[in-house]
Amino acid sequence: MKKSVEEDVFIPLYPKSTVEDKSSLRSKFQERRFWSAVKLLSNVVLWDGIVQEDKVRDLGLSKLLNRYLLLNILNTPPGPDNIEKCKKVVACLPERWFQDLKGGSTLPELLNFSQHLLQ
């Protein structure tokens, strides 16, 4: 899993003017790479309960979400596409990780993503 996250994930960042045209090749490529990374996140998280939780959280949240996915989400203009991306990421996260949290708090690895959701 670690090798896949470190070597297989690549989401290019293009200027907003380049990817605003959803029919452009760059935009389509960036979107395909984003959704591949979301699929990898969901697969990594499936190992929760089998592999140590801290390892799964490090790979899934610290490395994959914060290093790759969040950059793309932050560069996606507000609107339906951004909401859809956020919903898919949230759907990947195990509810068990949030059971012992107090109201209004989140996992440290999700702080930046949570702030984006609040905005």
PDB file of N, CA and C in Angstrom:
ATOM      1  N   MET A   1       0.830  -1.195   0.000  1.00  0.00           N
ATOM      2  CA  MET A   1       0.000   0.000   0.000  1.00  0.00           C
ATOM      3  C   MET A   1       0.869   1.251   0.000  1.00  0.00           C
ATOM      4  N   LYS A   2       1.904   1.221   0.825  1.00  0.00           N
ATOM      5  CA  LYS A   2       2.785   2.378   0.924  1.00  0.00           C
ATOM      6  C   LYS A   2       3.426   2.677  -0.425  1.00  0.00           C
ATOM      7  N   LYS A   3       3.863   1.638  -1.118  1.00  0.00           N
ATOM      8  CA  LYS A   3       4.486   1.814  -2.416  1.00  0.00           C
ATOM      9  C   LYS A   3       3.495   2.412  -3.421  1.00  0.00           C
ATOM     10  N   SER A   4       2.256   1.957  -3.392  1.00  0.00           N
ATOM     11  CA  SER A   4       1.234   2.505  -4.292  1.00  0.00           C
ATOM     12  C   SER A   4       1.002   3.981  -4.028  1.00  0.00           C
ATOM     13  N   VAL A   5       0.891   4.348  -2.754  1.00  0.00           N
ATOM     14  CA  VAL A   5       0.649   5.753  -2.407  1.00  0.00           C
ATOM     15  C   VAL A   5       1.841   6.616  -2.812  1.00  0.00           C
ATOM     16  N   GLU A   6       3.046   6.128  -2.566  1.00  0.00           N
ATOM     17  CA  GLU A   6       4.238   6.935  -2.826  1.00  0.00           C
ATOM     18  C   GLU A   6       4.641   6.973  -4.299  1.00  0.00           C
ATOM     19  N   GLU A   7       4.346   5.896  -5.052  1.00  0.00           N
ATOM     20  CA  GLU A   7       4.857   5.830  -6.418  1.00  0.00           C
ATOM     21  C   GLU A   7       3.788   5.893  -7.502  1.00  0.00           C
ATOM     22  N   ASP A   8       2.568   5.519  -7.203  1.00  0.00           N
ATOM     23  CA  ASP A   8       1.545   5.434  -8.244  1.00  0.00           C
ATOM     24  C   ASP A   8       0.628   6.644  -8.318  1.00  0.00           C
ATOM     25  N   VAL A   9       0.574   7.431  -7.261  1.00  0.00           N
ATOM     26  CA  VAL A   9      -0.348   8.559  -7.246  1.00  0.00           C
ATOM     27  C   VAL A   9       0.327   9.773  -7.872  1.00  0.00           C
ATOM     28  N   PHE A  10      -0.349  10.337  -8.846  1.00  0.00           N
ATOM     29  CA  PHE A  10       0.121  11.566  -9.489  1.00  0.00           C
ATOM     30  C   PHE A  10      -1.098  12.342  -9.942  1.00  0.00           C
ATOM     31  N   ILE A  11      -1.285  13.505  -9.361  1.00  0.00           N
ATOM     32  CA  ILE A  11      -2.369  14.386  -9.774  1.00  0.00           C
ATOM     33  C   ILE A  11      -1.718  15.709 -10.161  1.00  0.00           C
ATOM     34  N   PRO A  12      -1.665  16.009 -11.457  1.00  0.00           N
ATOM     35  CA  PRO A  12      -1.022  17.261 -11.869  1.00  0.00           C
ATOM     36  C   PRO A  12      -1.847  18.463 -11.443  1.00  0.00           C
ATOM     37  N   LEU A  13      -1.166  19.532 -11.156  1.00  0.00           N
ATOM     38  CA  LEU A  13      -1.835  20.792 -10.849  1.00  0.00           C
ATOM     39  C   LEU A  13      -1.603  21.735 -12.022  1.00  0.00           C
ATOM     40  N   TYR A  14      -2.679  22.080 -12.683  1.00  0.00           N
ATOM     41  CA  TYR A  14      -2.622  23.005 -13.798  1.00  0.00           C
ATOM     42  C   TYR A  14      -3.225  24.327 -13.358  1.00  0.00           C
ATOM     43  N   PRO A  15      -2.894  25.407 -14.047  1.00  0.00           N
ATOM     44  CA  PRO A  15      -3.538  26.690 -13.733  1.00  0.00           C
ATOM     45  C   PRO A  15      -5.058  26.568 -13.886  1.00  0.00           C
ATOM     46  N   LYS A  16      -5.778  27.283 -13.053  1.00  0.00           N
ATOM     47  CA  LYS A  16      -7.243  27.218 -13.090  1.00  0.00           C
ATOM     48  C   LYS A  16      -7.789  27.514 -14.473  1.00  0.00           C
ATOM     49  N   SER A  17      -7.165  28.442 -15.166  1.00  0.00           N
ATOM     50  CA  SER A  17      -7.653  28.791 -16.505  1.00  0.00           C
ATOM     51  C   SER A  17      -7.571  27.598 -17.456  1.00  0.00           C
ATOM     52  N   THR A  18      -6.627  26.714 -17.228  1.00  0.00           N
ATOM     53  CA  THR A  18      -6.454  25.543 -18.087  1.00  0.00           C
ATOM     54  C   THR A  18      -7.516  24.491 -17.824  1.00  0.00           C
ATOM     55  N   VAL A  19      -7.898  24.298 -16.571  1.00  0.00           N
ATOM     56  CA  VAL A  19      -8.833  23.220 -16.234  1.00  0.00           C
ATOM     57  C   VAL A  19     -10.287  23.685 -16.119  1.00  0.00           C
ATOM     58  N   GLU A  20     -10.527  24.974 -16.266  1.00  0.00           N
ATOM     59  CA  GLU A  20     -11.912  25.451 -16.228  1.00  0.00           C
ATOM     60  C   GLU A  20     -12.726  24.881 -17.379  1.00  0.00           C
ATOM     61  N   ASP A  21     -12.057  24.640 -18.494  1.00  0.00           N
ATOM     62  CA  ASP A  21     -12.714  24.011 -19.640  1.00  0.00           C
ATOM     63  C   ASP A  21     -12.735  22.505 -19.392  1.00  0.00           C
ATOM     64  N   LYS A  22     -13.882  21.998 -18.963  1.00  0.00           N
ATOM     65  CA  LYS A  22     -14.011  20.580 -18.585  1.00  0.00           C
ATOM     66  C   LYS A  22     -13.764  19.627 -19.750  1.00  0.00           C
ATOM     67  N   SER A  23     -13.817  20.132 -20.978  1.00  0.00           N
ATOM     68  CA  SER A  23     -13.589  19.265 -22.133  1.00  0.00           C
ATOM     69  C   SER A  23     -12.117  19.204 -22.541  1.00  0.00           C
ATOM     70  N   SER A  24     -11.269  20.009 -21.899  1.00  0.00           N
ATOM     71  CA  SER A  24      -9.850  20.004 -22.249  1.00  0.00           C
ATOM     72  C   SER A  24      -9.192  18.706 -21.787  1.00  0.00           C
ATOM     73  N   LEU A  25      -8.167  18.301 -22.512  1.00  0.00           N
ATOM     74  CA  LEU A  25      -7.457  17.064 -22.176  1.00  0.00           C
ATOM     75  C   LEU A  25      -6.813  17.153 -20.794  1.00  0.00           C
ATOM     76  N   ARG A  26      -6.284  18.308 -20.452  1.00  0.00           N
ATOM     77  CA  ARG A  26      -5.648  18.470 -19.132  1.00  0.00           C
ATOM     78  C   ARG A  26      -6.661  18.318 -18.004  1.00  0.00           C
ATOM     79  N   SER A  27      -7.808  18.921 -18.184  1.00  0.00           N
ATOM     80  CA  SER A  27      -8.862  18.826 -17.174  1.00  0.00           C
ATOM     81  C   SER A  27      -9.320  17.381 -17.002  1.00  0.00           C
ATOM     82  N   LYS A  28      -9.550  16.705 -18.107  1.00  0.00           N
ATOM     83  CA  LYS A  28      -9.992  15.307 -18.056  1.00  0.00           C
ATOM     84  C   LYS A  28      -8.935  14.418 -17.399  1.00  0.00           C
ATOM     85  N   PHE A  29      -7.658  14.643 -17.735  1.00  0.00           N
ATOM     86  CA  PHE A  29      -6.587  13.852 -17.143  1.00  0.00           C
ATOM     87  C   PHE A  29      -6.503  14.086 -15.635  1.00  0.00           C
ATOM     88  N   GLN A  30      -6.575  15.349 -15.241  1.00  0.00           N
ATOM     89  CA  GLN A  30      -6.519  15.677 -13.808  1.00  0.00           C
ATOM     90  C   GLN A  30      -7.680  15.030 -13.055  1.00  0.00           C
ATOM     91  N   GLU A  31      -8.851  15.054 -13.632  1.00  0.00           N
ATOM     92  CA  GLU A  31     -10.017  14.448 -12.996  1.00  0.00           C
ATOM     93  C   GLU A  31      -9.865  12.928 -12.875  1.00  0.00           C
ATOM     94  N   ARG A  32      -9.388  12.282 -13.925  1.00  0.00           N
ATOM     95  CA  ARG A  32      -9.170  10.820 -13.858  1.00  0.00           C
ATOM     96  C   ARG A  32      -8.168  10.460 -12.780  1.00  0.00           C
ATOM     97  N   ARG A  33      -7.103  11.232 -12.672  1.00  0.00           N
ATOM     98  CA  ARG A  33      -6.073  10.961 -11.653  1.00  0.00           C
ATOM     99  C   ARG A  33      -6.649  11.197 -10.248  1.00  0.00           C
ATOM    100  N   PHE A  34      -7.467  12.226 -10.091  1.00  0.00           N
ATOM    101  CA  PHE A  34      -8.091  12.484  -8.790  1.00  0.00           C
ATOM    102  C   PHE A  34      -8.961  11.306  -8.376  1.00  0.00           C
ATOM    103  N   TRP A  35      -9.839  10.840  -9.266  1.00  0.00           N
ATOM    104  CA  TRP A  35     -10.754   9.761  -8.918  1.00  0.00           C
ATOM    105  C   TRP A  35     -10.017   8.445  -8.713  1.00  0.00           C
ATOM    106  N   SER A  36      -8.895   8.247  -9.380  1.00  0.00           N
ATOM    107  CA  SER A  36      -8.068   7.059  -9.113  1.00  0.00           C
ATOM    108  C   SER A  36      -7.499   7.119  -7.701  1.00  0.00           C
ATOM    109  N   ALA A  37      -7.099   8.318  -7.287  1.00  0.00           N
ATOM    110  CA  ALA A  37      -6.558   8.486  -5.934  1.00  0.00           C
ATOM    111  C   ALA A  37      -7.644   8.295  -4.881  1.00  0.00           C
ATOM    112  N   VAL A  38      -8.867   8.721  -5.169  1.00  0.00           N
ATOM    113  CA  VAL A  38      -9.986   8.496  -4.237  1.00  0.00           C
ATOM    114  C   VAL A  38     -10.244   6.995  -4.109  1.00  0.00           C
ATOM    115  N   LYS A  39     -10.185   6.283  -5.208  1.00  0.00           N
ATOM    116  CA  LYS A  39     -10.378   4.832  -5.172  1.00  0.00           C
ATOM    117  C   LYS A  39      -9.275   4.174  -4.348  1.00  0.00           C
ATOM    118  N   LEU A  40      -8.049   4.638  -4.508  1.00  0.00           N
ATOM    119  CA  LEU A  40      -6.954   4.110  -3.696  1.00  0.00           C
ATOM    120  C   LEU A  40      -7.189   4.411  -2.222  1.00  0.00           C
ATOM    121  N   LEU A  41      -7.675   5.613  -1.897  1.00  0.00           N
ATOM    122  CA  LEU A  41      -7.996   5.951  -0.509  1.00  0.00           C
ATOM    123  C   LEU A  41      -9.020   4.972   0.056  1.00  0.00           C
ATOM    124  N   SER A  42     -10.063   4.694  -0.710  1.00  0.00           N
ATOM    125  CA  SER A  42     -11.092   3.764  -0.212  1.00  0.00           C
ATOM    126  C   SER A  42     -10.514   2.367  -0.020  1.00  0.00           C
ATOM    127  N   ASN A  43      -9.599   1.957  -0.879  1.00  0.00           N
ATOM    128  CA  ASN A  43      -8.967   0.640  -0.736  1.00  0.00           C
ATOM    129  C   ASN A  43      -8.023   0.592   0.461  1.00  0.00           C
ATOM    130  N   VAL A  44      -7.275   1.654   0.689  1.00  0.00           N
ATOM    131  CA  VAL A  44      -6.370   1.715   1.849  1.00  0.00           C
ATOM    132  C   VAL A  44      -7.175   1.628   3.133  1.00  0.00           C
ATOM    133  N   VAL A  45      -8.270   2.371   3.206  1.00  0.00           N
ATOM    134  CA  VAL A  45      -9.086   2.436   4.414  1.00  0.00           C
ATOM    135  C   VAL A  45      -9.773   1.090   4.696  1.00  0.00           C
ATOM    136  N   LEU A  46      -9.988   0.290   3.667  1.00  0.00           N
ATOM    137  CA  LEU A  46     -10.581  -1.037   3.877  1.00  0.00           C
ATOM    138  C   LEU A  46      -9.708  -1.922   4.776  1.00  0.00           C
ATOM    139  N   TRP A  47      -8.432  -1.604   4.859  1.00  0.00           N
ATOM    140  CA  TRP A  47      -7.513  -2.381   5.695  1.00  0.00           C
ATOM    141  C   TRP A  47      -7.600  -2.017   7.180  1.00  0.00           C
ATOM    142  N   ASP A  48      -8.399  -1.011   7.509  1.00  0.00           N
ATOM    143  CA  ASP A  48      -8.586  -0.626   8.910  1.00  0.00           C
ATOM    144  C   ASP A  48      -9.162  -1.811   9.679  1.00  0.00           C
ATOM    145  N   GLY A  49      -8.556  -2.127  10.788  1.00  0.00           N
ATOM    146  CA  GLY A  49      -8.982  -3.276  11.587  1.00  0.00           C
ATOM    147  C   GLY A  49      -8.145  -4.510  11.294  1.00  0.00           C
ATOM    148  N   ILE A  50      -7.466  -4.511  10.153  1.00  0.00           N
ATOM    149  CA  ILE A  50      -6.578  -5.623   9.798  1.00  0.00           C
ATOM    150  C   ILE A  50      -5.134  -5.187  10.003  1.00  0.00           C
ATOM    151  N   VAL A  51      -4.823  -3.996   9.478  1.00  0.00           N
ATOM    152  CA  VAL A  51      -3.515  -3.382   9.662  1.00  0.00           C
ATOM    153  C   VAL A  51      -3.665  -2.357  10.777  1.00  0.00           C
ATOM    154  N   GLN A  52      -2.598  -2.062  11.477  1.00  0.00           N
ATOM    155  CA  GLN A  52      -2.654  -1.104  12.585  1.00  0.00           C
ATOM    156  C   GLN A  52      -3.293   0.212  12.126  1.00  0.00           C
ATOM    157  N   GLU A  53      -4.189   0.716  12.964  1.00  0.00           N
ATOM    158  CA  GLU A  53      -4.933   1.929  12.615  1.00  0.00           C
ATOM    159  C   GLU A  53      -4.016   3.099  12.316  1.00  0.00           C
ATOM    160  N   ASP A  54      -2.946   3.285  13.078  1.00  0.00           N
ATOM    161  CA  ASP A  54      -2.058   4.422  12.837  1.00  0.00           C
ATOM    162  C   ASP A  54      -1.382   4.337  11.474  1.00  0.00           C
ATOM    163  N   LYS A  55      -1.098   3.137  10.998  1.00  0.00           N
ATOM    164  CA  LYS A  55      -0.507   2.961   9.668  1.00  0.00           C
ATOM    165  C   LYS A  55      -1.517   3.307   8.577  1.00  0.00           C
ATOM    166  N   VAL A  56      -2.749   2.850   8.756  1.00  0.00           N
ATOM    167  CA  VAL A  56      -3.799   3.130   7.775  1.00  0.00           C
ATOM    168  C   VAL A  56      -4.086   4.629   7.732  1.00  0.00           C
ATOM    169  N   ARG A  57      -4.174   5.249   8.891  1.00  0.00           N
ATOM    170  CA  ARG A  57      -4.434   6.691   8.945  1.00  0.00           C
ATOM    171  C   ARG A  57      -3.284   7.484   8.346  1.00  0.00           C
ATOM    172  N   ASP A  58      -2.058   7.058   8.594  1.00  0.00           N
ATOM    173  CA  ASP A  58      -0.900   7.755   8.026  1.00  0.00           C
ATOM    174  C   ASP A  58      -0.931   7.685   6.501  1.00  0.00           C
ATOM    175  N   LEU A  59      -1.122   6.495   5.963  1.00  0.00           N
ATOM    176  CA  LEU A  59      -1.157   6.341   4.504  1.00  0.00           C
ATOM    177  C   LEU A  59      -2.368   7.030   3.884  1.00  0.00           C
ATOM    178  N   GLY A  60      -3.540   6.784   4.459  1.00  0.00           N
ATOM    179  CA  GLY A  60      -4.768   7.298   3.866  1.00  0.00           C
ATOM    180  C   GLY A  60      -4.969   8.786   4.053  1.00  0.00           C
ATOM    181  N   LEU A  61      -4.717   9.265   5.251  1.00  0.00           N
ATOM    182  CA  LEU A  61      -5.005  10.664   5.549  1.00  0.00           C
ATOM    183  C   LEU A  61      -3.793  11.575   5.374  1.00  0.00           C
ATOM    184  N   SER A  62      -2.711  11.254   6.071  1.00  0.00           N
ATOM    185  CA  SER A  62      -1.536  12.137   6.013  1.00  0.00           C
ATOM    186  C   SER A  62      -0.912  12.165   4.630  1.00  0.00           C
ATOM    187  N   LYS A  63      -0.764  10.995   4.034  1.00  0.00           N
ATOM    188  CA  LYS A  63      -0.066  10.947   2.748  1.00  0.00           C
ATOM    189  C   LYS A  63      -1.002  11.142   1.562  1.00  0.00           C
ATOM    190  N   LEU A  64      -2.081  10.410   1.499  1.00  0.00           N
ATOM    191  CA  LEU A  64      -2.939  10.452   0.314  1.00  0.00           C
ATOM    192  C   LEU A  64      -3.885  11.654   0.318  1.00  0.00           C
ATOM    193  N   LEU A  65      -4.650  11.815   1.371  1.00  0.00           N
ATOM    194  CA  LEU A  65      -5.612  12.920   1.418  1.00  0.00           C
ATOM    195  C   LEU A  65      -4.902  14.273   1.473  1.00  0.00           C
ATOM    196  N   ASN A  66      -4.034  14.458   2.443  1.00  0.00           N
ATOM    197  CA  ASN A  66      -3.425  15.775   2.641  1.00  0.00           C
ATOM    198  C   ASN A  66      -2.377  16.120   1.583  1.00  0.00           C
ATOM    199  N   ARG A  67      -1.712  15.144   1.030  1.00  0.00           N
ATOM    200  CA  ARG A  67      -0.651  15.420   0.065  1.00  0.00           C
ATOM    201  C   ARG A  67      -1.182  15.571  -1.364  1.00  0.00           C
ATOM    202  N   TYR A  68      -2.211  14.824  -1.710  1.00  0.00           N
ATOM    203  CA  TYR A  68      -2.677  14.816  -3.101  1.00  0.00           C
ATOM    204  C   TYR A  68      -4.115  15.301  -3.267  1.00  0.00           C
ATOM    205  N   LEU A  69      -5.035  14.652  -2.587  1.00  0.00           N
ATOM    206  CA  LEU A  69      -6.451  14.927  -2.816  1.00  0.00           C
ATOM    207  C   LEU A  69      -6.853  16.333  -2.393  1.00  0.00           C
ATOM    208  N   LEU A  70      -6.390  16.757  -1.232  1.00  0.00           N
ATOM    209  CA  LEU A  70      -6.809  18.059  -0.715  1.00  0.00           C
ATOM    210  C   LEU A  70      -6.346  19.199  -1.621  1.00  0.00           C
ATOM    211  N   LEU A  71      -5.166  19.098  -2.198  1.00  0.00           N
ATOM    212  CA  LEU A  71      -4.696  20.141  -3.115  1.00  0.00           C
ATOM    213  C   LEU A  71      -5.642  20.289  -4.294  1.00  0.00           C
ATOM    214  N   ASN A  72      -6.092  19.166  -4.826  1.00  0.00           N
ATOM    215  CA  ASN A  72      -7.016  19.209  -5.947  1.00  0.00           C
ATOM    216  C   ASN A  72      -8.361  19.786  -5.516  1.00  0.00           C
ATOM    217  N   ILE A  73      -8.843  19.366  -4.366  1.00  0.00           N
ATOM    218  CA  ILE A  73     -10.125  19.871  -3.858  1.00  0.00           C
ATOM    219  C   ILE A  73     -10.063  21.381  -3.645  1.00  0.00           C
ATOM    220  N   LEU A  74      -8.967  21.853  -3.069  1.00  0.00           N
ATOM    221  CA  LEU A  74      -8.828  23.288  -2.810  1.00  0.00           C
ATOM    222  C   LEU A  74      -8.739  24.106  -4.096  1.00  0.00           C
ATOM    223  N   ASN A  75      -8.272  23.479  -5.174  1.00  0.00           N
ATOM    224  CA  ASN A  75      -8.168  24.173  -6.457  1.00  0.00           C
ATOM    225  C   ASN A  75      -9.405  23.993  -7.334  1.00  0.00           C
ATOM    226  N   THR A  76     -10.380  23.254  -6.845  1.00  0.00           N
ATOM    227  CA  THR A  76     -11.636  23.097  -7.565  1.00  0.00           C
ATOM    228  C   THR A  76     -12.562  24.230  -7.129  1.00  0.00           C
ATOM    229  N   PRO A  77     -13.118  24.969  -8.086  1.00  0.00           N
ATOM    230  CA  PRO A  77     -14.001  26.082  -7.716  1.00  0.00           C
ATOM    231  C   PRO A  77     -15.196  25.598  -6.883  1.00  0.00           C
ATOM    232  N   PRO A  78     -15.687  26.432  -5.967  1.00  0.00           N
ATOM    233  CA  PRO A  78     -16.863  26.058  -5.184  1.00  0.00           C
ATOM    234  C   PRO A  78     -18.024  25.718  -6.119  1.00  0.00           C
ATOM    235  N   GLY A  79     -18.759  24.700  -5.746  1.00  0.00           N
ATOM    236  CA  GLY A  79     -19.896  24.295  -6.565  1.00  0.00           C
ATOM    237  C   GLY A  79     -20.110  22.797  -6.511  1.00  0.00           C
ATOM    238  N   PRO A  80     -20.931  22.288  -7.396  1.00  0.00           N
ATOM    239  CA  PRO A  80     -21.298  20.862  -7.363  1.00  0.00           C
ATOM    240  C   PRO A  80     -20.111  19.904  -7.484  1.00  0.00           C
ATOM    241  N   ASP A  81     -19.114  20.248  -8.313  1.00  0.00           N
ATOM    242  CA  ASP A  81     -17.958  19.358  -8.465  1.00  0.00           C
ATOM    243  C   ASP A  81     -17.170  19.252  -7.156  1.00  0.00           C
ATOM    244  N   ASN A  82     -16.982  20.375  -6.498  1.00  0.00           N
ATOM    245  CA  ASN A  82     -16.251  20.385  -5.236  1.00  0.00           C
ATOM    246  C   ASN A  82     -17.016  19.602  -4.171  1.00  0.00           C
ATOM    247  N   ILE A  83     -18.318  19.801  -4.122  1.00  0.00           N
ATOM    248  CA  ILE A  83     -19.148  19.087  -3.139  1.00  0.00           C
ATOM    249  C   ILE A  83     -19.086  17.587  -3.379  1.00  0.00           C
ATOM    250  N   GLU A  84     -19.156  17.181  -4.633  1.00  0.00           N
ATOM    251  CA  GLU A  84     -19.096  15.752  -4.970  1.00  0.00           C
ATOM    252  C   GLU A  84     -17.762  15.141  -4.547  1.00  0.00           C
ATOM    253  N   LYS A  85     -16.671  15.844  -4.780  1.00  0.00           N
ATOM    254  CA  LYS A  85     -15.352  15.349  -4.388  1.00  0.00           C
ATOM    255  C   LYS A  85     -15.274  15.188  -2.869  1.00  0.00           C
ATOM    256  N   CYS A  86     -15.752  16.189  -2.140  1.00  0.00           N
ATOM    257  CA  CYS A  86     -15.716  16.135  -0.671  1.00  0.00           C
ATOM    258  C   CYS A  86     -16.573  14.990  -0.145  1.00  0.00           C
ATOM    259  N   LYS A  87     -17.756  14.807  -0.719  1.00  0.00           N
ATOM    260  CA  LYS A  87     -18.642  13.721  -0.286  1.00  0.00           C
ATOM    261  C   LYS A  87     -17.992  12.359  -0.483  1.00  0.00           C
ATOM    262  N   LYS A  88     -17.317  12.169  -1.608  1.00  0.00           N
ATOM    263  CA  LYS A  88     -16.668  10.885  -1.898  1.00  0.00           C
ATOM    264  C   LYS A  88     -15.529  10.618  -0.928  1.00  0.00           C
ATOM    265  N   VAL A  89     -14.790  11.652  -0.579  1.00  0.00           N
ATOM    266  CA  VAL A  89     -13.697  11.492   0.391  1.00  0.00           C
ATOM    267  C   VAL A  89     -14.270  11.133   1.761  1.00  0.00           C
ATOM    268  N   VAL A  90     -15.296  11.854   2.182  1.00  0.00           N
ATOM    269  CA  VAL A  90     -15.924  11.587   3.479  1.00  0.00           C
ATOM    270  C   VAL A  90     -16.481  10.167   3.523  1.00  0.00           C
ATOM    271  N   ALA A  91     -17.053   9.708   2.426  1.00  0.00           N
ATOM    272  CA  ALA A  91     -17.636   8.358   2.368  1.00  0.00           C
ATOM    273  C   ALA A  91     -16.580   7.277   2.567  1.00  0.00           C
ATOM    274  N   CYS A  92     -15.336   7.584   2.294  1.00  0.00           N
ATOM    275  CA  CYS A  92     -14.249   6.605   2.463  1.00  0.00           C
ATOM    276  C   CYS A  92     -13.845   6.419   3.927  1.00  0.00           C
ATOM    277  N   LEU A  93     -14.127   7.395   4.757  1.00  0.00           N
ATOM    278  CA  LEU A  93     -13.617   7.394   6.130  1.00  0.00           C
ATOM    279  C   LEU A  93     -14.462   6.505   7.040  1.00  0.00           C
ATOM    280  N   PRO A  94     -13.799   5.606   7.791  1.00  0.00           N
ATOM    281  CA  PRO A  94     -14.543   4.734   8.707  1.00  0.00           C
ATOM    282  C   PRO A  94     -15.168   5.512   9.868  1.00  0.00           C
ATOM    283  N   GLU A  95     -16.416   5.244  10.150  1.00  0.00           N
ATOM    284  CA  GLU A  95     -17.103   5.920  11.264  1.00  0.00           C
ATOM    285  C   GLU A  95     -16.408   5.642  12.593  1.00  0.00           C
ATOM    286  N   ARG A  96     -15.798   4.494  12.713  1.00  0.00           N
ATOM    287  CA  ARG A  96     -15.125   4.086  13.951  1.00  0.00           C
ATOM    288  C   ARG A  96     -14.063   5.102  14.374  1.00  0.00           C
ATOM    289  N   TRP A  97     -13.433   5.753  13.425  1.00  0.00           N
ATOM    290  CA  TRP A  97     -12.392   6.723  13.741  1.00  0.00           C
ATOM    291  C   TRP A  97     -12.934   7.940  14.478  1.00  0.00           C
ATOM    292  N   PHE A  98     -14.229   8.166  14.407  1.00  0.00           N
ATOM    293  CA  PHE A  98     -14.823   9.379  14.971  1.00  0.00           C
ATOM    294  C   PHE A  98     -15.636   9.118  16.234  1.00  0.00           C
ATOM    295  N   GLN A  99     -15.753   7.882  16.653  1.00  0.00           N
ATOM    296  CA  GLN A  99     -16.621   7.525  17.774  1.00  0.00           C
ATOM    297  C   GLN A  99     -16.196   8.150  19.094  1.00  0.00           C
ATOM    298  N   ASP A 100     -14.906   8.261  19.344  1.00  0.00           N
ATOM    299  CA  ASP A 100     -14.448   8.760  20.637  1.00  0.00           C
ATOM    300  C   ASP A 100     -14.145  10.258  20.644  1.00  0.00           C
ATOM    301  N   LEU A 101     -14.463  10.942  19.564  1.00  0.00           N
ATOM    302  CA  LEU A 101     -14.199  12.376  19.505  1.00  0.00           C
ATOM    303  C   LEU A 101     -15.312  13.162  20.187  1.00  0.00           C
ATOM    304  N   LYS A 102     -14.934  14.239  20.809  1.00  0.00           N
ATOM    305  CA  LYS A 102     -15.911  15.124  21.439  1.00  0.00           C
ATOM    306  C   LYS A 102     -16.525  16.013  20.354  1.00  0.00           C
ATOM    307  N   GLY A 103     -17.727  16.513  20.599  1.00  0.00           N
ATOM    308  CA  GLY A 103     -18.425  17.366  19.637  1.00  0.00           C
ATOM    309  C   GLY A 103     -17.576  18.535  19.161  1.00  0.00           C
ATOM    310  N   GLY A 104     -17.585  18.763  17.872  1.00  0.00           N
ATOM    311  CA  GLY A 104     -16.849  19.886  17.300  1.00  0.00           C
ATOM    312  C   GLY A 104     -15.384  19.624  17.044  1.00  0.00           C
ATOM    313  N   SER A 105     -14.899  18.437  17.371  1.00  0.00           N
ATOM    314  CA  SER A 105     -13.485  18.143  17.132  1.00  0.00           C
ATOM    315  C   SER A 105     -13.351  17.132  16.001  1.00  0.00           C
ATOM    316  N   THR A 106     -12.135  16.999  15.507  1.00  0.00           N
ATOM    317  CA  THR A 106     -11.876  16.059  14.425  1.00  0.00           C
ATOM    318  C   THR A 106     -10.506  15.429  14.622  1.00  0.00           C
ATOM    319  N   LEU A 107     -10.173  14.521  13.760  1.00  0.00           N
ATOM    320  CA  LEU A 107      -8.851  13.910  13.792  1.00  0.00           C
ATOM    321  C   LEU A 107      -7.819  14.951  13.370  1.00  0.00           C
ATOM    322  N   PRO A 108      -6.638  14.924  13.965  1.00  0.00           N
ATOM    323  CA  PRO A 108      -5.618  15.922  13.593  1.00  0.00           C
ATOM    324  C   PRO A 108      -5.301  15.917  12.098  1.00  0.00           C
ATOM    325  N   GLU A 109      -5.311  14.726  11.494  1.00  0.00           N
ATOM    326  CA  GLU A 109      -5.000  14.619  10.063  1.00  0.00           C
ATOM    327  C   GLU A 109      -6.086  15.227   9.176  1.00  0.00           C
ATOM    328  N   LEU A 110      -7.265  15.448   9.734  1.00  0.00           N
ATOM    329  CA  LEU A 110      -8.388  15.978   8.960  1.00  0.00           C
ATOM    330  C   LEU A 110      -8.649  17.460   9.208  1.00  0.00           C
ATOM    331  N   LEU A 111      -7.772  18.117   9.939  1.00  0.00           N
ATOM    332  CA  LEU A 111      -7.998  19.511  10.298  1.00  0.00           C
ATOM    333  C   LEU A 111      -8.147  20.410   9.067  1.00  0.00           C
ATOM    334  N   ASN A 112      -7.241  20.319   8.105  1.00  0.00           N
ATOM    335  CA  ASN A 112      -7.324  21.175   6.910  1.00  0.00           C
ATOM    336  C   ASN A 112      -8.545  20.846   6.061  1.00  0.00           C
ATOM    337  N   PHE A 113      -8.863  19.561   5.936  1.00  0.00           N
ATOM    338  CA  PHE A 113     -10.043  19.161   5.182  1.00  0.00           C
ATOM    339  C   PHE A 113     -11.310  19.665   5.883  1.00  0.00           C
ATOM    340  N   SER A 114     -11.343  19.567   7.198  1.00  0.00           N
ATOM    341  CA  SER A 114     -12.496  20.058   7.968  1.00  0.00           C
ATOM    342  C   SER A 114     -12.684  21.550   7.805  1.00  0.00           C
ATOM    343  N   GLN A 115     -11.583  22.283   7.799  1.00  0.00           N
ATOM    344  CA  GLN A 115     -11.664  23.734   7.623  1.00  0.00           C
ATOM    345  C   GLN A 115     -12.218  24.071   6.242  1.00  0.00           C
ATOM    346  N   HIS A 116     -11.819  23.297   5.234  1.00  0.00           N
ATOM    347  CA  HIS A 116     -12.367  23.510   3.888  1.00  0.00           C
ATOM    348  C   HIS A 116     -13.870  23.251   3.881  1.00  0.00           C
ATOM    349  N   LEU A 117     -14.297  22.183   4.537  1.00  0.00           N
ATOM    350  CA  LEU A 117     -15.724  21.856   4.578  1.00  0.00           C
ATOM    351  C   LEU A 117     -16.519  22.957   5.276  1.00  0.00           C
ATOM    352  N   LEU A 118     -15.964  23.520   6.330  1.00  0.00           N
ATOM    353  CA  LEU A 118     -16.647  24.589   7.056  1.00  0.00           C
ATOM    354  C   LEU A 118     -16.789  25.852   6.206  1.00  0.00           C
ATOM    355  N   GLN A 119     -15.828  26.112   5.368  1.00  0.00           N
ATOM    356  CA  GLN A 119     -15.906  27.296   4.510  1.00  0.00           C
ATOM    357  C   GLN A 119     -16.952  27.087   3.455  1.00  0.00           C
TER     358      GLN A 119
END
